[in-house]
Amino acid sequence: MRHEIKKVSKIVDELMTLLLREDTDEVDFKVKKEQDHYKIVVTDYNTKFTQAEAKEFEEYFNVQRQHEYEEYFWQLVGESDCDVELTMIGAMVDEAIVELRGNDLYMEIIRKI
């Protein structure tokens, strides 16, 4: 439970960096704290990502959460420009939906408290 808000912020920061790096024109983020989890909803309007990339993101984010791993390494998220960051996010979240909806990339990410 330690550093929970900072961990959620790191996840949001890394997702924002990913989208801005790909020259997104408009993106919405919504973070909602529920009773037993945080929900992060991201919409990248008129995305440049493909269906294959959306599926790849979903695979990165839907690995089993690794509590021990995240406790030691969550502070490093955002410190490099490689796919390791996406793997780290996957280790910090419990489930994710990533899909193209028309021309928009939609992500819904759940992190249980």
N, C-alpha and C. Protein backbone atom coordinates (compact mmCIF):
# COMPACT_ATOMS: atom_id res chain seq x y z
N MET A 1 0.82 -1.19 0.00
CA MET A 1 0.00 0.00 0.00
C MET A 1 0.87 1.26 0.00
N ARG A 2 2.14 1.09 0.37
CA ARG A 2 3.06 2.22 0.36
C ARG A 2 3.24 2.77 -1.04
N HIS A 3 3.24 4.08 -1.16
CA HIS A 3 3.52 4.77 -2.42
C HIS A 3 2.48 4.50 -3.51
N GLU A 4 1.28 4.15 -3.13
CA GLU A 4 0.25 3.79 -4.12
C GLU A 4 -0.02 4.92 -5.11
N ILE A 5 -0.17 6.13 -4.62
CA ILE A 5 -0.47 7.26 -5.50
C ILE A 5 0.70 7.52 -6.46
N LYS A 6 1.92 7.40 -5.97
CA LYS A 6 3.09 7.61 -6.83
C LYS A 6 3.17 6.53 -7.91
N LYS A 7 2.82 5.32 -7.58
CA LYS A 7 2.85 4.23 -8.56
C LYS A 7 1.83 4.48 -9.67
N VAL A 8 0.63 4.89 -9.29
CA VAL A 8 -0.40 5.20 -10.29
C VAL A 8 0.07 6.36 -11.15
N SER A 9 0.68 7.36 -10.55
CA SER A 9 1.19 8.51 -11.30
C SER A 9 2.28 8.09 -12.28
N LYS A 10 3.14 7.18 -11.89
CA LYS A 10 4.20 6.69 -12.78
C LYS A 10 3.60 5.96 -13.98
N ILE A 11 2.55 5.18 -13.74
CA ILE A 11 1.88 4.48 -14.84
C ILE A 11 1.31 5.50 -15.83
N VAL A 12 0.61 6.51 -15.32
CA VAL A 12 0.03 7.55 -16.17
C VAL A 12 1.13 8.28 -16.93
N ASP A 13 2.20 8.62 -16.24
CA ASP A 13 3.31 9.33 -16.86
C ASP A 13 3.90 8.52 -18.02
N GLU A 14 4.10 7.25 -17.81
CA GLU A 14 4.69 6.42 -18.85
C GLU A 14 3.76 6.30 -20.05
N LEU A 15 2.47 6.16 -19.80
CA LEU A 15 1.51 6.10 -20.91
C LEU A 15 1.48 7.41 -21.68
N MET A 16 1.52 8.53 -20.98
CA MET A 16 1.54 9.84 -21.64
C MET A 16 2.80 9.99 -22.49
N THR A 17 3.93 9.60 -21.96
CA THR A 17 5.18 9.67 -22.71
C THR A 17 5.11 8.81 -23.97
N LEU A 18 4.58 7.62 -23.85
CA LEU A 18 4.42 6.72 -25.00
C LEU A 18 3.60 7.39 -26.09
N LEU A 19 2.48 7.98 -25.72
CA LEU A 19 1.59 8.58 -26.71
C LEU A 19 2.18 9.86 -27.31
N LEU A 20 2.80 10.69 -26.49
CA LEU A 20 3.38 11.93 -27.00
C LEU A 20 4.58 11.64 -27.91
N ARG A 21 5.31 10.60 -27.58
CA ARG A 21 6.46 10.20 -28.41
C ARG A 21 6.01 9.82 -29.82
N GLU A 22 4.79 9.32 -29.92
CA GLU A 22 4.23 8.94 -31.23
C GLU A 22 3.46 10.08 -31.87
N ASP A 23 3.65 11.28 -31.37
CA ASP A 23 3.10 12.49 -31.97
C ASP A 23 1.56 12.51 -31.95
N THR A 24 0.98 12.12 -30.82
CA THR A 24 -0.47 12.18 -30.69
C THR A 24 -0.94 13.63 -30.74
N ASP A 25 -2.12 13.84 -31.29
CA ASP A 25 -2.68 15.19 -31.39
C ASP A 25 -3.59 15.52 -30.22
N GLU A 26 -4.28 14.50 -29.69
CA GLU A 26 -5.23 14.74 -28.60
C GLU A 26 -5.38 13.45 -27.80
N VAL A 27 -5.26 13.57 -26.49
CA VAL A 27 -5.38 12.41 -25.63
C VAL A 27 -6.11 12.82 -24.35
N ASP A 28 -6.96 11.94 -23.88
CA ASP A 28 -7.66 12.14 -22.60
C ASP A 28 -7.22 11.07 -21.62
N PHE A 29 -6.99 11.48 -20.38
CA PHE A 29 -6.70 10.56 -19.29
C PHE A 29 -7.75 10.75 -18.21
N LYS A 30 -8.19 9.66 -17.64
CA LYS A 30 -9.10 9.71 -16.51
C LYS A 30 -8.60 8.68 -15.49
N VAL A 31 -8.42 9.13 -14.27
CA VAL A 31 -8.01 8.23 -13.19
C VAL A 31 -9.12 8.27 -12.16
N LYS A 32 -9.64 7.10 -11.84
CA LYS A 32 -10.73 7.03 -10.86
C LYS A 32 -10.35 6.03 -9.77
N LYS A 33 -10.43 6.49 -8.53
CA LYS A 33 -10.18 5.60 -7.41
C LYS A 33 -11.51 4.98 -6.99
N GLU A 34 -11.55 3.67 -7.03
CA GLU A 34 -12.73 2.94 -6.59
C GLU A 34 -12.39 2.31 -5.24
N GLN A 35 -13.33 1.56 -4.70
CA GLN A 35 -13.13 1.00 -3.37
C GLN A 35 -11.90 0.10 -3.28
N ASP A 36 -11.70 -0.74 -4.29
CA ASP A 36 -10.61 -1.71 -4.20
C ASP A 36 -9.60 -1.61 -5.34
N HIS A 37 -9.71 -0.57 -6.16
CA HIS A 37 -8.78 -0.43 -7.28
C HIS A 37 -8.78 0.99 -7.86
N TYR A 38 -7.75 1.24 -8.64
CA TYR A 38 -7.69 2.46 -9.46
C TYR A 38 -8.01 2.04 -10.88
N LYS A 39 -8.75 2.88 -11.58
CA LYS A 39 -9.04 2.65 -12.99
C LYS A 39 -8.45 3.82 -13.77
N ILE A 40 -7.60 3.50 -14.73
CA ILE A 40 -6.99 4.49 -15.60
C ILE A 40 -7.58 4.27 -16.98
N VAL A 41 -8.24 5.31 -17.50
CA VAL A 41 -8.84 5.23 -18.83
C VAL A 41 -8.15 6.25 -19.72
N VAL A 42 -7.67 5.78 -20.87
CA VAL A 42 -6.93 6.62 -21.80
C VAL A 42 -7.59 6.51 -23.17
N THR A 43 -7.79 7.66 -23.81
CA THR A 43 -8.26 7.67 -25.19
C THR A 43 -7.31 8.54 -26.00
N ASP A 44 -6.70 7.93 -27.00
CA ASP A 44 -5.82 8.64 -27.94
C ASP A 44 -6.64 8.82 -29.22
N TYR A 45 -7.09 10.05 -29.44
CA TYR A 45 -7.96 10.35 -30.58
C TYR A 45 -7.15 10.39 -31.88
N ASN A 46 -7.77 9.85 -32.93
CA ASN A 46 -7.11 9.79 -34.25
C ASN A 46 -5.70 9.22 -34.12
N THR A 47 -5.63 8.09 -33.45
CA THR A 47 -4.35 7.47 -33.13
C THR A 47 -3.56 7.07 -34.36
N LYS A 48 -2.28 7.02 -34.18
CA LYS A 48 -1.39 6.54 -35.23
C LYS A 48 -1.03 5.07 -35.01
N PHE A 49 -1.50 4.50 -33.90
CA PHE A 49 -1.21 3.10 -33.61
C PHE A 49 -2.12 2.18 -34.43
N THR A 50 -1.60 1.03 -34.75
CA THR A 50 -2.34 0.04 -35.54
C THR A 50 -3.02 -0.97 -34.62
N GLN A 51 -3.85 -1.80 -35.21
CA GLN A 51 -4.51 -2.87 -34.46
C GLN A 51 -3.47 -3.82 -33.87
N ALA A 52 -2.44 -4.12 -34.63
CA ALA A 52 -1.37 -5.01 -34.14
C ALA A 52 -0.66 -4.40 -32.93
N GLU A 53 -0.41 -3.10 -32.97
CA GLU A 53 0.25 -2.44 -31.84
C GLU A 53 -0.65 -2.41 -30.61
N ALA A 54 -1.94 -2.18 -30.82
CA ALA A 54 -2.90 -2.20 -29.70
C ALA A 54 -2.89 -3.57 -29.03
N LYS A 55 -2.88 -4.62 -29.84
CA LYS A 55 -2.84 -5.99 -29.30
C LYS A 55 -1.54 -6.22 -28.54
N GLU A 56 -0.44 -5.70 -29.06
CA GLU A 56 0.84 -5.85 -28.39
C GLU A 56 0.84 -5.15 -27.03
N PHE A 57 0.27 -3.94 -26.96
CA PHE A 57 0.16 -3.23 -25.69
C PHE A 57 -0.66 -4.05 -24.70
N GLU A 58 -1.77 -4.60 -25.17
CA GLU A 58 -2.62 -5.38 -24.29
C GLU A 58 -1.87 -6.60 -23.75
N GLU A 59 -1.06 -7.23 -24.59
CA GLU A 59 -0.26 -8.37 -24.13
C GLU A 59 0.77 -7.95 -23.09
N TYR A 60 1.43 -6.81 -23.30
CA TYR A 60 2.38 -6.30 -22.30
C TYR A 60 1.70 -6.03 -20.96
N PHE A 61 0.51 -5.46 -21.01
CA PHE A 61 -0.17 -5.02 -19.80
C PHE A 61 -0.92 -6.14 -19.08
N ASN A 62 -1.16 -7.26 -19.74
CA ASN A 62 -1.93 -8.34 -19.14
C ASN A 62 -1.07 -9.52 -18.72
N VAL A 63 0.10 -9.23 -18.22
CA VAL A 63 0.90 -10.28 -17.58
C VAL A 63 0.51 -10.30 -16.11
N GLN A 64 0.87 -11.34 -15.42
CA GLN A 64 0.53 -11.42 -14.00
C GLN A 64 1.25 -10.32 -13.22
N ARG A 65 0.51 -9.63 -12.37
CA ARG A 65 1.11 -8.58 -11.55
C ARG A 65 2.15 -9.20 -10.62
N GLN A 66 3.26 -8.49 -10.45
CA GLN A 66 4.37 -9.00 -9.66
C GLN A 66 4.66 -8.02 -8.52
N HIS A 67 4.02 -8.23 -7.39
CA HIS A 67 4.10 -7.31 -6.26
C HIS A 67 5.53 -7.10 -5.77
N GLU A 68 6.30 -8.17 -5.68
CA GLU A 68 7.67 -8.05 -5.17
C GLU A 68 8.52 -7.25 -6.15
N TYR A 69 8.36 -7.51 -7.42
CA TYR A 69 9.12 -6.82 -8.46
C TYR A 69 8.81 -5.33 -8.45
N GLU A 70 7.53 -5.00 -8.39
CA GLU A 70 7.15 -3.59 -8.43
C GLU A 70 7.62 -2.83 -7.21
N GLU A 71 7.67 -3.48 -6.06
CA GLU A 71 8.08 -2.78 -4.83
C GLU A 71 9.51 -2.27 -4.94
N TYR A 72 10.35 -3.00 -5.65
CA TYR A 72 11.74 -2.60 -5.78
C TYR A 72 12.01 -1.70 -6.98
N PHE A 73 11.23 -1.87 -8.08
CA PHE A 73 11.59 -1.22 -9.33
C PHE A 73 10.61 -0.18 -9.83
N TRP A 74 9.49 0.09 -9.14
CA TRP A 74 8.50 1.04 -9.66
C TRP A 74 9.08 2.44 -9.86
N GLN A 75 10.06 2.82 -9.05
CA GLN A 75 10.64 4.16 -9.16
C GLN A 75 11.42 4.35 -10.46
N LEU A 76 11.79 3.25 -11.10
CA LEU A 76 12.56 3.34 -12.34
C LEU A 76 11.69 3.55 -13.57
N VAL A 77 10.38 3.38 -13.44
CA VAL A 77 9.49 3.57 -14.59
C VAL A 77 9.65 4.99 -15.09
N GLY A 78 9.82 5.12 -16.40
CA GLY A 78 9.98 6.43 -17.01
C GLY A 78 11.42 6.87 -17.14
N GLU A 79 12.36 6.03 -16.77
CA GLU A 79 13.76 6.43 -16.80
C GLU A 79 14.49 6.03 -18.07
N SER A 80 13.84 5.27 -18.96
CA SER A 80 14.49 4.90 -20.23
C SER A 80 13.45 4.85 -21.33
N ASP A 81 13.92 4.82 -22.56
CA ASP A 81 13.02 4.82 -23.72
C ASP A 81 13.02 3.45 -24.38
N CYS A 82 12.51 2.45 -23.70
CA CYS A 82 12.49 1.13 -24.31
C CYS A 82 11.27 0.35 -23.84
N ASP A 83 11.08 -0.82 -24.46
CA ASP A 83 9.92 -1.64 -24.14
C ASP A 83 9.93 -2.17 -22.72
N VAL A 84 11.07 -2.08 -22.04
CA VAL A 84 11.15 -2.51 -20.65
C VAL A 84 10.13 -1.73 -19.82
N GLU A 85 9.90 -0.48 -20.18
CA GLU A 85 8.92 0.34 -19.46
C GLU A 85 7.53 -0.26 -19.56
N LEU A 86 7.15 -0.73 -20.73
CA LEU A 86 5.83 -1.34 -20.90
C LEU A 86 5.74 -2.63 -20.09
N THR A 87 6.81 -3.37 -20.05
CA THR A 87 6.85 -4.60 -19.25
C THR A 87 6.68 -4.26 -17.77
N MET A 88 7.32 -3.19 -17.32
CA MET A 88 7.20 -2.77 -15.92
C MET A 88 5.77 -2.36 -15.60
N ILE A 89 5.13 -1.64 -16.51
CA ILE A 89 3.72 -1.29 -16.29
C ILE A 89 2.89 -2.56 -16.16
N GLY A 90 3.15 -3.53 -17.01
CA GLY A 90 2.43 -4.80 -16.93
C GLY A 90 2.61 -5.48 -15.59
N ALA A 91 3.80 -5.34 -15.00
CA ALA A 91 4.06 -5.94 -13.70
C ALA A 91 3.35 -5.18 -12.58
N MET A 92 2.89 -3.95 -12.86
CA MET A 92 2.28 -3.10 -11.84
C MET A 92 0.76 -3.05 -11.92
N VAL A 93 0.15 -3.63 -12.96
CA VAL A 93 -1.30 -3.55 -13.10
C VAL A 93 -1.90 -4.95 -13.10
N ASP A 94 -3.20 -4.99 -12.84
CA ASP A 94 -3.87 -6.28 -12.72
C ASP A 94 -4.60 -6.73 -13.98
N GLU A 95 -5.08 -5.78 -14.76
CA GLU A 95 -5.74 -6.14 -16.02
C GLU A 95 -5.83 -4.92 -16.90
N ALA A 96 -5.97 -5.17 -18.19
CA ALA A 96 -6.04 -4.06 -19.14
C ALA A 96 -6.84 -4.47 -20.37
N ILE A 97 -7.56 -3.51 -20.89
CA ILE A 97 -8.23 -3.63 -22.18
C ILE A 97 -7.60 -2.57 -23.07
N VAL A 98 -7.10 -2.98 -24.23
CA VAL A 98 -6.54 -2.04 -25.19
C VAL A 98 -7.15 -2.40 -26.53
N GLU A 99 -7.81 -1.42 -27.15
CA GLU A 99 -8.46 -1.71 -28.43
C GLU A 99 -8.62 -0.44 -29.25
N LEU A 100 -8.72 -0.64 -30.55
CA LEU A 100 -9.04 0.46 -31.44
C LEU A 100 -10.55 0.56 -31.52
N ARG A 101 -11.05 1.76 -31.34
CA ARG A 101 -12.48 2.06 -31.47
C ARG A 101 -12.60 3.12 -32.55
N GLY A 102 -12.88 2.67 -33.75
CA GLY A 102 -12.86 3.59 -34.89
C GLY A 102 -11.43 4.04 -35.11
N ASN A 103 -11.18 5.34 -35.06
CA ASN A 103 -9.84 5.88 -35.24
C ASN A 103 -9.13 6.15 -33.92
N ASP A 104 -9.74 5.77 -32.81
CA ASP A 104 -9.21 6.08 -31.48
C ASP A 104 -8.66 4.84 -30.79
N LEU A 105 -7.56 5.03 -30.09
CA LEU A 105 -6.99 3.97 -29.25
C LEU A 105 -7.56 4.14 -27.86
N TYR A 106 -8.18 3.09 -27.33
CA TYR A 106 -8.82 3.11 -26.02
C TYR A 106 -8.08 2.14 -25.11
N MET A 107 -7.73 2.60 -23.91
CA MET A 107 -7.09 1.74 -22.90
C MET A 107 -7.83 1.89 -21.58
N GLU A 108 -8.13 0.78 -20.98
CA GLU A 108 -8.69 0.77 -19.63
C GLU A 108 -7.80 -0.14 -18.80
N ILE A 109 -7.17 0.44 -17.79
CA ILE A 109 -6.18 -0.28 -17.00
C ILE A 109 -6.63 -0.28 -15.53
N ILE A 110 -6.58 -1.45 -14.92
CA ILE A 110 -7.00 -1.64 -13.52
C ILE A 110 -5.79 -1.99 -12.68
N ARG A 111 -5.65 -1.28 -11.57
CA ARG A 111 -4.62 -1.59 -10.57
C ARG A 111 -5.33 -1.76 -9.23
N LYS A 112 -5.36 -2.99 -8.74
CA LYS A 112 -6.00 -3.27 -7.46
C LYS A 112 -5.18 -2.71 -6.32
N ILE A 113 -5.89 -2.25 -5.31
CA ILE A 113 -5.24 -1.67 -4.13
C ILE A 113 -4.96 -2.76 -3.12
